[in-house]
Amino acid sequence: MPDDTGALLPGEGATWADVLAGDAAWWLGLGDCRDVLATMPPGCVDAVVTDPPYPEISRDYGRMTEADWHAMMRQVVGETRHALTATGSAMFVLQANSERVGRMRPWLWEFMAWTAREWNQIQDVWWWNHTAQVTMHASQRGLMRPSVKACVWLGPEDAYRNQNAILWTESDDNKAQRASGRLNNNLHKYPSGGTNRKLRQVMSAARRGGVTPFNLWPIANANSTSSGGAYGHGAATPFLLCRRWVEYISSDGAIVLDPFAGSGTVGQAALLLSRRFIGCEIFPTYHAVARRRLGAAYAARQPALFTLDDGAA
């Protein structure tokens, strides 16, 4: 049955095709995403934000070899590229893992090299979980704490992006320098050959309401009450990371796709940001969790709720 806006409610006859048509706000399928992606028409979604399973990691939903993972991802990448609009892009969250202490598996770099050659990697972007726990490898075997994941961002060179949506808060030092009135617009030259006009830089920050973000995003993954992990997902993605990517590479009313929906955090961010959402999840337990979270996000659709969930997918 329709809701009070006339849109079909998921679970009440809505399909992913209804989302594309604007007759439903979201849809979450249970099963292999490749079966759904293969039936979707070209140019039908605006952005893909997803955190796939990684190879050689044992989870509730199983374990894949590196060869099986590459085969799956080549199909998923091909189908998502087909489904994206001409200026749409896809972002895959991926973290390298090791075969044994001191020997990393090569699958992440192989994937990045392949997608850069066969499609296009728009920019290298990384998520830094600055609350990552110390591992046994780090504390007892002299290695460093693993805390960074790649955000493999693929699409055309002119892919849609809205940098103003993800500006960082201006530093106190910038504000103090601007307030002091002692800045000038002289051209500063650096040993590397770069140049900079400090006054122009700090005035731009004031005008835009923030500063240009770095390509290393420091976002904690430590929420234990409202994150995907709190709902039993063992490899959850922070809500704030999902929210920023949705804000960055899609606009109001856009259709966001997550082929590996997990506990639904990408969809939650998309719905709260007034986007439409299509997702797939193969593991029934996570699918049920995601449906509940997506239903709550659809019912809320209030910006104030952004402060309530810093958790994960």
C-alpha atoms as a PDB file:
ATOM      1  CA  MET A   1       0.000   0.000   0.000  1.00  0.00           C
ATOM      2  CA  PRO A   2       1.216   3.574  -0.611  1.00  0.00           C
ATOM      3  CA  ASP A   3       2.353   5.868   2.183  1.00  0.00           C
ATOM      4  CA  ASP A   4       0.943   9.373   2.673  1.00  0.00           C
ATOM      5  CA  THR A   5       3.202  10.718  -0.118  1.00  0.00           C
ATOM      6  CA  GLY A   6       1.836   8.211  -2.605  1.00  0.00           C
ATOM      7  CA  ALA A   7       5.046   6.170  -2.683  1.00  0.00           C
ATOM      8  CA  LEU A   8       4.966   2.405  -2.327  1.00  0.00           C
ATOM      9  CA  LEU A   9       6.367   1.015   0.888  1.00  0.00           C
ATOM     10  CA  PRO A  10       9.121  -1.626   0.561  1.00  0.00           C
ATOM     11  CA  GLY A  11       7.658  -5.008   1.427  1.00  0.00           C
ATOM     12  CA  GLU A  12       4.239  -3.890   0.182  1.00  0.00           C
ATOM     13  CA  GLY A  13       4.789  -4.727  -3.478  1.00  0.00           C
ATOM     14  CA  ALA A  14       7.635  -2.315  -4.224  1.00  0.00           C
ATOM     15  CA  THR A  15      10.575  -3.443  -6.382  1.00  0.00           C
ATOM     16  CA  TRP A  16      13.869  -1.903  -7.423  1.00  0.00           C
ATOM     17  CA  ALA A  17      12.130  -0.868 -10.629  1.00  0.00           C
ATOM     18  CA  ASP A  18       9.684   1.162  -8.499  1.00  0.00           C
ATOM     19  CA  VAL A  19      12.648   2.982  -6.965  1.00  0.00           C
ATOM     20  CA  LEU A  20      13.958   3.819 -10.430  1.00  0.00           C
ATOM     21  CA  ALA A  21      10.513   5.063 -11.434  1.00  0.00           C
ATOM     22  CA  GLY A  22      10.211   7.245  -8.326  1.00  0.00           C
ATOM     23  CA  ASP A  23       7.329   5.203  -6.917  1.00  0.00           C
ATOM     24  CA  ALA A  24       9.318   3.892  -3.930  1.00  0.00           C
ATOM     25  CA  ALA A  25      12.055   5.401  -1.789  1.00  0.00           C
ATOM     26  CA  TRP A  26      14.049   2.211  -1.207  1.00  0.00           C
ATOM     27  CA  TRP A  27      14.329  -1.477  -1.939  1.00  0.00           C
ATOM     28  CA  LEU A  28      16.550  -4.151  -0.398  1.00  0.00           C
ATOM     29  CA  GLY A  29      16.885  -7.510  -2.105  1.00  0.00           C
ATOM     30  CA  LEU A  30      17.879 -10.766  -0.424  1.00  0.00           C
ATOM     31  CA  GLY A  31      20.340 -12.718  -2.540  1.00  0.00           C
ATOM     32  CA  ASP A  32      23.419 -12.375  -4.739  1.00  0.00           C
ATOM     33  CA  CYS A  33      23.774  -8.819  -6.002  1.00  0.00           C
ATOM     34  CA  ARG A  34      25.054 -10.076  -9.349  1.00  0.00           C
ATOM     35  CA  ASP A  35      21.642 -11.548 -10.137  1.00  0.00           C
ATOM     36  CA  VAL A  36      20.021  -8.134  -9.607  1.00  0.00           C
ATOM     37  CA  LEU A  37      22.731  -6.061 -11.291  1.00  0.00           C
ATOM     38  CA  ALA A  38      22.542  -8.176 -14.434  1.00  0.00           C
ATOM     39  CA  THR A  39      18.879  -7.190 -14.917  1.00  0.00           C
ATOM     40  CA  MET A  40      19.231  -3.444 -14.327  1.00  0.00           C
ATOM     41  CA  PRO A  41      19.055  -1.086 -17.316  1.00  0.00           C
ATOM     42  CA  PRO A  42      22.045   1.075 -18.281  1.00  0.00           C
ATOM     43  CA  GLY A  43      22.425   4.530 -16.746  1.00  0.00           C
ATOM     44  CA  CYS A  44      19.809   4.025 -14.035  1.00  0.00           C
ATOM     45  CA  VAL A  45      21.693   4.845 -10.798  1.00  0.00           C
ATOM     46  CA  ASP A  46      23.645   7.957  -9.838  1.00  0.00           C
ATOM     47  CA  ALA A  47      26.179   6.604  -7.346  1.00  0.00           C
ATOM     48  CA  VAL A  48      27.471   3.360  -5.864  1.00  0.00           C
ATOM     49  CA  VAL A  49      28.767   3.349  -2.283  1.00  0.00           C
ATOM     50  CA  THR A  50      29.663  -0.068  -0.904  1.00  0.00           C
ATOM     51  CA  ASP A  51      31.920  -2.059   1.408  1.00  0.00           C
ATOM     52  CA  PRO A  52      32.314  -5.544  -0.138  1.00  0.00           C
ATOM     53  CA  PRO A  53      33.485  -8.662   1.688  1.00  0.00           C
ATOM     54  CA  TYR A  54      37.247  -9.198   1.558  1.00  0.00           C
ATOM     55  CA  PRO A  55      39.010 -12.399   0.475  1.00  0.00           C
ATOM     56  CA  GLU A  56      40.525 -14.866   2.922  1.00  0.00           C
ATOM     57  CA  ILE A  57      38.488 -13.512   5.853  1.00  0.00           C
ATOM     58  CA  SER A  58      36.099 -15.875   7.641  1.00  0.00           C
ATOM     59  CA  ARG A  59      32.704 -14.305   8.315  1.00  0.00           C
ATOM     60  CA  ASP A  60      29.198 -15.542   9.025  1.00  0.00           C
ATOM     61  CA  TYR A  61      28.523 -15.377   5.289  1.00  0.00           C
ATOM     62  CA  GLY A  62      31.550 -17.537   4.401  1.00  0.00           C
ATOM     63  CA  ARG A  63      35.101 -17.166   3.090  1.00  0.00           C
ATOM     64  CA  MET A  64      36.446 -16.522  -0.421  1.00  0.00           C
ATOM     65  CA  THR A  65      39.803 -17.226  -1.985  1.00  0.00           C
ATOM     66  CA  GLU A  66      41.565 -14.338  -3.700  1.00  0.00           C
ATOM     67  CA  ALA A  67      40.786 -15.876  -7.108  1.00  0.00           C
ATOM     68  CA  ASP A  68      37.075 -16.207  -6.277  1.00  0.00           C
ATOM     69  CA  TRP A  69      37.015 -12.641  -4.945  1.00  0.00           C
ATOM     70  CA  HIS A  70      38.581 -11.212  -8.108  1.00  0.00           C
ATOM     71  CA  ALA A  71      36.096 -13.123 -10.262  1.00  0.00           C
ATOM     72  CA  MET A  72      33.176 -11.784  -8.235  1.00  0.00           C
ATOM     73  CA  MET A  73      34.452  -8.199  -8.190  1.00  0.00           C
ATOM     74  CA  ARG A  74      35.169  -8.104 -11.918  1.00  0.00           C
ATOM     75  CA  GLN A  75      31.538  -8.985 -12.532  1.00  0.00           C
ATOM     76  CA  VAL A  76      30.258  -6.524  -9.915  1.00  0.00           C
ATOM     77  CA  VAL A  77      32.447  -3.685 -11.203  1.00  0.00           C
ATOM     78  CA  GLY A  78      31.332  -4.337 -14.772  1.00  0.00           C
ATOM     79  CA  GLU A  79      27.650  -4.403 -13.852  1.00  0.00           C
ATOM     80  CA  THR A  80      27.802  -1.309 -11.631  1.00  0.00           C
ATOM     81  CA  ARG A  81      29.635   0.608 -14.353  1.00  0.00           C
ATOM     82  CA  HIS A  82      26.865  -0.395 -16.765  1.00  0.00           C
ATOM     83  CA  ALA A  83      24.176   0.756 -14.303  1.00  0.00           C
ATOM     84  CA  LEU A  84      25.725   4.180 -13.564  1.00  0.00           C
ATOM     85  CA  THR A  85      24.754   7.385 -15.326  1.00  0.00           C
ATOM     86  CA  ALA A  86      27.306   9.154 -17.544  1.00  0.00           C
ATOM     87  CA  THR A  87      28.577  11.244 -14.612  1.00  0.00           C
ATOM     88  CA  GLY A  88      27.997   8.661 -11.883  1.00  0.00           C
ATOM     89  CA  SER A  89      30.790   7.056  -9.879  1.00  0.00           C
ATOM     90  CA  ALA A  90      31.363   4.088  -7.589  1.00  0.00           C
ATOM     91  CA  MET A  91      33.306   3.856  -4.326  1.00  0.00           C
ATOM     92  CA  PHE A  92      34.459   0.521  -2.843  1.00  0.00           C
ATOM     93  CA  VAL A  93      35.812   0.395   0.736  1.00  0.00           C
ATOM     94  CA  LEU A  94      38.614  -2.165   0.879  1.00  0.00           C
ATOM     95  CA  GLN A  95      41.336  -3.073   3.383  1.00  0.00           C
ATOM     96  CA  ALA A  96      44.461  -5.086   2.663  1.00  0.00           C
ATOM     97  CA  ASN A  97      45.122  -8.186   4.748  1.00  0.00           C
ATOM     98  CA  SER A  98      48.073 -10.497   5.232  1.00  0.00           C
ATOM     99  CA  GLU A  99      48.842 -14.090   4.392  1.00  0.00           C
ATOM    100  CA  ARG A 100      51.010 -14.277   7.495  1.00  0.00           C
ATOM    101  CA  VAL A 101      52.970 -11.870   9.674  1.00  0.00           C
ATOM    102  CA  GLY A 102      55.236  -9.835   7.437  1.00  0.00           C
ATOM    103  CA  ARG A 103      53.654 -10.955   4.143  1.00  0.00           C
ATOM    104  CA  MET A 104      50.705  -8.985   2.716  1.00  0.00           C
ATOM    105  CA  ARG A 105      48.237 -10.457   0.243  1.00  0.00           C
ATOM    106  CA  PRO A 106      48.363  -8.649  -3.135  1.00  0.00           C
ATOM    107  CA  TRP A 107      44.654  -8.655  -4.015  1.00  0.00           C
ATOM    108  CA  LEU A 108      43.948  -5.002  -3.079  1.00  0.00           C
ATOM    109  CA  TRP A 109      46.732  -3.587  -5.255  1.00  0.00           C
ATOM    110  CA  GLU A 110      45.821  -5.953  -8.074  1.00  0.00           C
ATOM    111  CA  PHE A 111      42.231  -4.702  -7.918  1.00  0.00           C
ATOM    112  CA  MET A 112      43.288  -1.054  -7.840  1.00  0.00           C
ATOM    113  CA  ALA A 113      45.654  -1.526 -10.788  1.00  0.00           C
ATOM    114  CA  TRP A 114      43.018  -3.383 -12.821  1.00  0.00           C
ATOM    115  CA  THR A 115      40.245  -0.844 -12.218  1.00  0.00           C
ATOM    116  CA  ALA A 116      42.598   2.076 -12.929  1.00  0.00           C
ATOM    117  CA  ARG A 117      43.545   0.518 -16.284  1.00  0.00           C
ATOM    118  CA  GLU A 118      40.147  -0.821 -17.342  1.00  0.00           C
ATOM    119  CA  TRP A 119      37.937   1.986 -16.030  1.00  0.00           C
ATOM    120  CA  ASN A 120      39.363   5.027 -14.258  1.00  0.00           C
ATOM    121  CA  GLN A 121      40.390   5.759 -10.691  1.00  0.00           C
ATOM    122  CA  ILE A 122      39.303   9.351 -10.066  1.00  0.00           C
ATOM    123  CA  GLN A 123      41.520   9.936  -7.034  1.00  0.00           C
ATOM    124  CA  ASP A 124      43.166   7.863  -4.340  1.00  0.00           C
ATOM    125  CA  VAL A 125      41.158   8.350  -1.139  1.00  0.00           C
ATOM    126  CA  TRP A 126      41.753   6.644   2.203  1.00  0.00           C
ATOM    127  CA  TRP A 127      39.771   6.204   5.403  1.00  0.00           C
ATOM    128  CA  TRP A 128      41.787   6.322   8.608  1.00  0.00           C
ATOM    129  CA  ASN A 129      40.135   4.653  11.596  1.00  0.00           C
ATOM    130  CA  HIS A 130      42.106   6.500  14.268  1.00  0.00           C
ATOM    131  CA  THR A 131      40.490   4.398  17.010  1.00  0.00           C
ATOM    132  CA  ALA A 132      41.732   1.066  15.609  1.00  0.00           C
ATOM    133  CA  GLN A 133      42.788  -1.393  18.293  1.00  0.00           C
ATOM    134  CA  VAL A 134      46.341  -2.699  18.596  1.00  0.00           C
ATOM    135  CA  THR A 135      46.655  -6.143  16.996  1.00  0.00           C
ATOM    136  CA  MET A 136      48.868  -8.999  18.169  1.00  0.00           C
ATOM    137  CA  HIS A 137      50.984  -8.481  15.043  1.00  0.00           C
ATOM    138  CA  ALA A 138      51.627  -4.902  16.142  1.00  0.00           C
ATOM    139  CA  SER A 139      52.158  -5.435  19.868  1.00  0.00           C
ATOM    140  CA  GLN A 140      54.186  -8.656  19.738  1.00  0.00           C
ATOM    141  CA  ARG A 141      55.723  -8.833  16.260  1.00  0.00           C
ATOM    142  CA  GLY A 142      56.956  -5.259  15.779  1.00  0.00           C
ATOM    143  CA  LEU A 143      54.520  -4.189  13.031  1.00  0.00           C
ATOM    144  CA  MET A 144      52.404  -1.044  12.961  1.00  0.00           C
ATOM    145  CA  ARG A 145      48.736  -0.812  13.890  1.00  0.00           C
ATOM    146  CA  PRO A 146      46.545  -1.441  10.779  1.00  0.00           C
ATOM    147  CA  SER A 147      44.079   1.436  10.601  1.00  0.00           C
ATOM    148  CA  VAL A 148      43.678   2.587   6.980  1.00  0.00           C
ATOM    149  CA  LYS A 149      41.264   1.384   4.310  1.00  0.00           C
ATOM    150  CA  ALA A 150      41.218   2.317   0.642  1.00  0.00           C
ATOM    151  CA  CYS A 151      38.168   4.095  -0.747  1.00  0.00           C
ATOM    152  CA  VAL A 152      38.591   2.977  -4.354  1.00  0.00           C
ATOM    153  CA  TRP A 153      36.752   5.681  -6.288  1.00  0.00           C
ATOM    154  CA  LEU A 154      35.961   4.791  -9.890  1.00  0.00           C
ATOM    155  CA  GLY A 155      34.229   6.667 -12.669  1.00  0.00           C
ATOM    156  CA  PRO A 156      34.748   9.213 -15.435  1.00  0.00           C
ATOM    157  CA  GLU A 157      37.122  12.140 -14.955  1.00  0.00           C
ATOM    158  CA  ASP A 158      34.164  14.540 -14.857  1.00  0.00           C
ATOM    159  CA  ALA A 159      32.146  12.454 -12.390  1.00  0.00           C
ATOM    160  CA  TYR A 160      29.688  14.422 -10.272  1.00  0.00           C
ATOM    161  CA  ARG A 161      31.090  15.575  -6.933  1.00  0.00           C
ATOM    162  CA  ASN A 162      30.072  18.284  -4.501  1.00  0.00           C
ATOM    163  CA  GLN A 163      33.112  19.294  -2.478  1.00  0.00           C
ATOM    164  CA  ASN A 164      31.152  21.940  -0.575  1.00  0.00           C
ATOM    165  CA  ALA A 165      29.146  19.139   1.062  1.00  0.00           C
ATOM    166  CA  ILE A 166      32.223  17.658   2.744  1.00  0.00           C
ATOM    167  CA  LEU A 167      34.325  20.698   3.675  1.00  0.00           C
ATOM    168  CA  TRP A 168      36.327  20.367   6.876  1.00  0.00           C
ATOM    169  CA  THR A 169      36.012  22.752   9.795  1.00  0.00           C
ATOM    170  CA  GLU A 170      38.454  25.635   9.519  1.00  0.00           C
ATOM    171  CA  SER A 171      41.365  25.505  11.952  1.00  0.00           C
ATOM    172  CA  ASP A 172      41.635  27.926  14.866  1.00  0.00           C
ATOM    173  CA  ASP A 173      44.992  29.024  13.441  1.00  0.00           C
ATOM    174  CA  ASN A 174      43.371  30.060  10.156  1.00  0.00           C
ATOM    175  CA  LYS A 175      40.690  31.999  11.991  1.00  0.00           C
ATOM    176  CA  ALA A 176      43.243  33.727  14.227  1.00  0.00           C
ATOM    177  CA  GLN A 177      45.394  34.747  11.277  1.00  0.00           C
ATOM    178  CA  ARG A 178      42.414  36.225   9.455  1.00  0.00           C
ATOM    179  CA  ALA A 179      41.230  38.072  12.571  1.00  0.00           C
ATOM    180  CA  SER A 180      44.698  39.505  13.231  1.00  0.00           C
ATOM    181  CA  GLY A 181      44.645  41.510  10.019  1.00  0.00           C
ATOM    182  CA  ARG A 182      48.366  40.866   9.555  1.00  0.00           C
ATOM    183  CA  LEU A 183      48.053  38.640   6.489  1.00  0.00           C
ATOM    184  CA  ASN A 184      49.023  39.895   3.051  1.00  0.00           C
ATOM    185  CA  ASN A 185      48.492  38.456  -0.402  1.00  0.00           C
ATOM    186  CA  ASN A 186      52.166  38.010  -1.212  1.00  0.00           C
ATOM    187  CA  LEU A 187      53.104  34.903  -3.172  1.00  0.00           C
ATOM    188  CA  HIS A 188      54.948  32.406  -0.952  1.00  0.00           C
ATOM    189  CA  LYS A 189      57.311  29.993  -2.690  1.00  0.00           C
ATOM    190  CA  TYR A 190      58.287  26.629  -1.210  1.00  0.00           C
ATOM    191  CA  PRO A 191      61.411  24.502  -1.788  1.00  0.00           C
ATOM    192  CA  SER A 192      59.292  21.905  -3.573  1.00  0.00           C
ATOM    193  CA  GLY A 193      58.388  24.492  -6.222  1.00  0.00           C
ATOM    194  CA  GLY A 194      54.837  25.054  -5.003  1.00  0.00           C
ATOM    195  CA  THR A 195      53.351  28.475  -4.365  1.00  0.00           C
ATOM    196  CA  ASN A 196      50.648  29.803  -2.064  1.00  0.00           C
ATOM    197  CA  ARG A 197      48.877  33.043  -1.193  1.00  0.00           C
ATOM    198  CA  LYS A 198      47.909  32.664   2.475  1.00  0.00           C
ATOM    199  CA  LEU A 199      45.401  35.520   2.526  1.00  0.00           C
ATOM    200  CA  ARG A 200      43.530  34.096  -0.440  1.00  0.00           C
ATOM    201  CA  GLN A 201      43.516  30.687   1.260  1.00  0.00           C
ATOM    202  CA  VAL A 202      42.079  31.816   4.593  1.00  0.00           C
ATOM    203  CA  MET A 203      39.539  34.137   2.976  1.00  0.00           C
ATOM    204  CA  SER A 204      38.383  31.292   0.743  1.00  0.00           C
ATOM    205  CA  ALA A 205      37.778  29.159   3.835  1.00  0.00           C
ATOM    206  CA  ALA A 206      35.630  31.886   5.378  1.00  0.00           C
ATOM    207  CA  ARG A 207      33.668  32.376   2.174  1.00  0.00           C
ATOM    208  CA  ARG A 208      33.026  28.655   1.609  1.00  0.00           C
ATOM    209  CA  GLY A 209      32.334  27.797   5.238  1.00  0.00           C
ATOM    210  CA  GLY A 210      35.199  25.337   5.568  1.00  0.00           C
ATOM    211  CA  VAL A 211      38.460  24.116   4.073  1.00  0.00           C
ATOM    212  CA  THR A 212      39.212  21.656   1.285  1.00  0.00           C
ATOM    213  CA  PRO A 213      39.373  18.146   2.760  1.00  0.00           C
ATOM    214  CA  PHE A 214      42.446  15.961   2.552  1.00  0.00           C
ATOM    215  CA  ASN A 215      42.221  12.622   0.729  1.00  0.00           C
ATOM    216  CA  LEU A 216      42.791  10.875   4.071  1.00  0.00           C
ATOM    217  CA  TRP A 217      39.542  10.939   6.067  1.00  0.00           C
ATOM    218  CA  PRO A 218      39.987  10.444   9.851  1.00  0.00           C
ATOM    219  CA  ILE A 219      36.744   8.830  11.003  1.00  0.00           C
ATOM    220  CA  ALA A 220      36.398   6.717  14.146  1.00  0.00           C
ATOM    221  CA  ASN A 221      34.807   3.291  14.014  1.00  0.00           C
ATOM    222  CA  ALA A 222      33.971   3.033  17.681  1.00  0.00           C
ATOM    223  CA  ASN A 223      30.199   3.372  18.085  1.00  0.00           C
ATOM    224  CA  SER A 224      28.837   0.413  20.053  1.00  0.00           C
ATOM    225  CA  THR A 225      25.211   1.469  20.503  1.00  0.00           C
ATOM    226  CA  SER A 226      23.725   2.377  17.121  1.00  0.00           C
ATOM    227  CA  SER A 227      26.247   1.092  14.556  1.00  0.00           C
ATOM    228  CA  GLY A 228      25.973  -1.963  12.346  1.00  0.00           C
ATOM    229  CA  GLY A 229      28.278  -3.690  14.811  1.00  0.00           C
ATOM    230  CA  ALA A 230      25.774  -3.044  17.582  1.00  0.00           C
ATOM    231  CA  TYR A 231      23.286  -5.045  15.495  1.00  0.00           C
ATOM    232  CA  GLY A 232      25.649  -7.996  15.155  1.00  0.00           C
ATOM    233  CA  HIS A 233      27.503  -7.151  11.931  1.00  0.00           C
ATOM    234  CA  GLY A 234      31.156  -8.127  12.339  1.00  0.00           C
ATOM    235  CA  ALA A 235      32.587  -5.807   9.670  1.00  0.00           C
ATOM    236  CA  ALA A 236      30.557  -2.622   9.920  1.00  0.00           C
ATOM    237  CA  THR A 237      31.287   0.665   8.123  1.00  0.00           C
ATOM    238  CA  PRO A 238      30.898   3.966  10.040  1.00  0.00           C
ATOM    239  CA  PHE A 239      27.768   5.968   9.366  1.00  0.00           C
ATOM    240  CA  LEU A 240      29.807   9.149   9.016  1.00  0.00           C
ATOM    241  CA  LEU A 241      31.947   7.621   6.263  1.00  0.00           C
ATOM    242  CA  CYS A 242      28.839   6.440   4.404  1.00  0.00           C
ATOM    243  CA  ARG A 243      27.148   9.798   4.865  1.00  0.00           C
ATOM    244  CA  ARG A 244      30.127  11.772   3.537  1.00  0.00           C
ATOM    245  CA  TRP A 245      30.474   9.641   0.431  1.00  0.00           C
ATOM    246  CA  VAL A 246      26.745   9.849  -0.296  1.00  0.00           C
ATOM    247  CA  GLU A 247      26.872  13.641   0.162  1.00  0.00           C
ATOM    248  CA  TYR A 248      29.999  13.937  -1.965  1.00  0.00           C
ATOM    249  CA  ILE A 249      29.103  11.910  -5.057  1.00  0.00           C
ATOM    250  CA  SER A 250      25.309  12.225  -5.262  1.00  0.00           C
ATOM    251  CA  SER A 251      22.771  15.048  -5.188  1.00  0.00           C
ATOM    252  CA  ASP A 252      19.327  15.433  -3.600  1.00  0.00           C
ATOM    253  CA  GLY A 253      16.889  12.922  -5.053  1.00  0.00           C
ATOM    254  CA  ALA A 254      19.637  10.787  -6.586  1.00  0.00           C
ATOM    255  CA  ILE A 255      19.548   6.986  -6.617  1.00  0.00           C
ATOM    256  CA  VAL A 256      22.302   5.348  -4.548  1.00  0.00           C
ATOM    257  CA  LEU A 257      23.161   1.666  -4.987  1.00  0.00           C
ATOM    258  CA  ASP A 258      24.893  -0.618  -2.470  1.00  0.00           C
ATOM    259  CA  PRO A 259      25.425  -4.152  -3.841  1.00  0.00           C
ATOM    260  CA  PHE A 260      26.788  -5.372  -0.475  1.00  0.00           C
ATOM    261  CA  ALA A 261      24.369  -3.662   1.898  1.00  0.00           C
ATOM    262  CA  GLY A 262      25.323  -5.432   5.136  1.00  0.00           C
ATOM    263  CA  SER A 263      23.287  -3.928   7.953  1.00  0.00           C
ATOM    264  CA  GLY A 264      22.098  -1.057   5.757  1.00  0.00           C
ATOM    265  CA  THR A 265      24.151   1.966   6.773  1.00  0.00           C
ATOM    266  CA  VAL A 266      24.765   3.287   3.248  1.00  0.00           C
ATOM    267  CA  GLY A 267      21.018   3.125   2.654  1.00  0.00           C
ATOM    268  CA  GLN A 268      20.336   4.745   6.004  1.00  0.00           C
ATOM    269  CA  ALA A 269      22.609   7.671   5.070  1.00  0.00           C
ATOM    270  CA  ALA A 270      21.057   7.908   1.597  1.00  0.00           C
ATOM    271  CA  LEU A 271      17.492   8.048   2.901  1.00  0.00           C
ATOM    272  CA  LEU A 272      18.305  10.601   5.600  1.00  0.00           C
ATOM    273  CA  LEU A 273      19.943  12.732   2.897  1.00  0.00           C
ATOM    274  CA  SER A 274      16.777  12.627   0.733  1.00  0.00           C
ATOM    275  CA  ARG A 275      18.169  10.167  -1.802  1.00  0.00           C
ATOM    276  CA  ARG A 276      16.555   6.972  -3.027  1.00  0.00           C
ATOM    277  CA  PHE A 277      18.253   3.647  -2.319  1.00  0.00           C
ATOM    278  CA  ILE A 278      18.627   0.216  -3.905  1.00  0.00           C
ATOM    279  CA  GLY A 279      20.530  -2.454  -2.002  1.00  0.00           C
ATOM    280  CA  CYS A 280      21.285  -6.170  -1.996  1.00  0.00           C
ATOM    281  CA  GLU A 281      22.352  -8.408   0.870  1.00  0.00           C
ATOM    282  CA  ILE A 282      22.997 -12.127   0.605  1.00  0.00           C
ATOM    283  CA  PHE A 283      23.053 -13.035   4.323  1.00  0.00           C
ATOM    284  CA  PRO A 284      19.497 -13.318   5.759  1.00  0.00           C
ATOM    285  CA  THR A 285      20.402 -12.131   9.271  1.00  0.00           C
ATOM    286  CA  TYR A 286      21.964  -8.899   8.014  1.00  0.00           C
ATOM    287  CA  HIS A 287      19.165  -8.434   5.487  1.00  0.00           C
ATOM    288  CA  ALA A 288      16.609  -8.449   8.303  1.00  0.00           C
ATOM    289  CA  VAL A 289      18.649  -5.947  10.320  1.00  0.00           C
ATOM    290  CA  ALA A 290      19.073  -3.688   7.299  1.00  0.00           C
ATOM    291  CA  ARG A 291      15.356  -3.691   6.541  1.00  0.00           C
ATOM    292  CA  ARG A 292      14.575  -2.508  10.073  1.00  0.00           C
ATOM    293  CA  ARG A 293      17.190   0.249   9.931  1.00  0.00           C
ATOM    294  CA  LEU A 294      16.132   1.395   6.473  1.00  0.00           C
ATOM    295  CA  GLY A 295      12.506   1.470   7.534  1.00  0.00           C
ATOM    296  CA  ALA A 296      13.385   3.650  10.508  1.00  0.00           C
ATOM    297  CA  ALA A 297      15.478   5.989   8.356  1.00  0.00           C
ATOM    298  CA  TYR A 298      12.695   6.306   5.786  1.00  0.00           C
ATOM    299  CA  ALA A 299      10.175   7.094   8.534  1.00  0.00           C
ATOM    300  CA  ALA A 300      12.456   9.708  10.072  1.00  0.00           C
ATOM    301  CA  ARG A 301      14.088  11.611   7.188  1.00  0.00           C
ATOM    302  CA  GLN A 302      15.056  14.359   9.650  1.00  0.00           C
ATOM    303  CA  PRO A 303      18.490  16.026   9.479  1.00  0.00           C
ATOM    304  CA  ALA A 304      18.568  16.173  13.277  1.00  0.00           C
ATOM    305  CA  LEU A 305      18.992  12.386  13.340  1.00  0.00           C
ATOM    306  CA  PHE A 306      22.469  12.733  11.842  1.00  0.00           C
ATOM    307  CA  THR A 307      23.736  13.386  15.335  1.00  0.00           C
ATOM    308  CA  LEU A 308      22.156  10.226  16.665  1.00  0.00           C
ATOM    309  CA  ASP A 309      24.052   7.594  14.624  1.00  0.00           C
ATOM    310  CA  ASP A 310      27.796   7.718  14.136  1.00  0.00           C
ATOM    311  CA  GLY A 311      27.814   3.998  13.614  1.00  0.00           C
ATOM    312  CA  ALA A 312      28.291   1.587  10.817  1.00  0.00           C
ATOM    313  CA  ALA A 313      27.077  -0.654   8.029  1.00  0.00           C
END
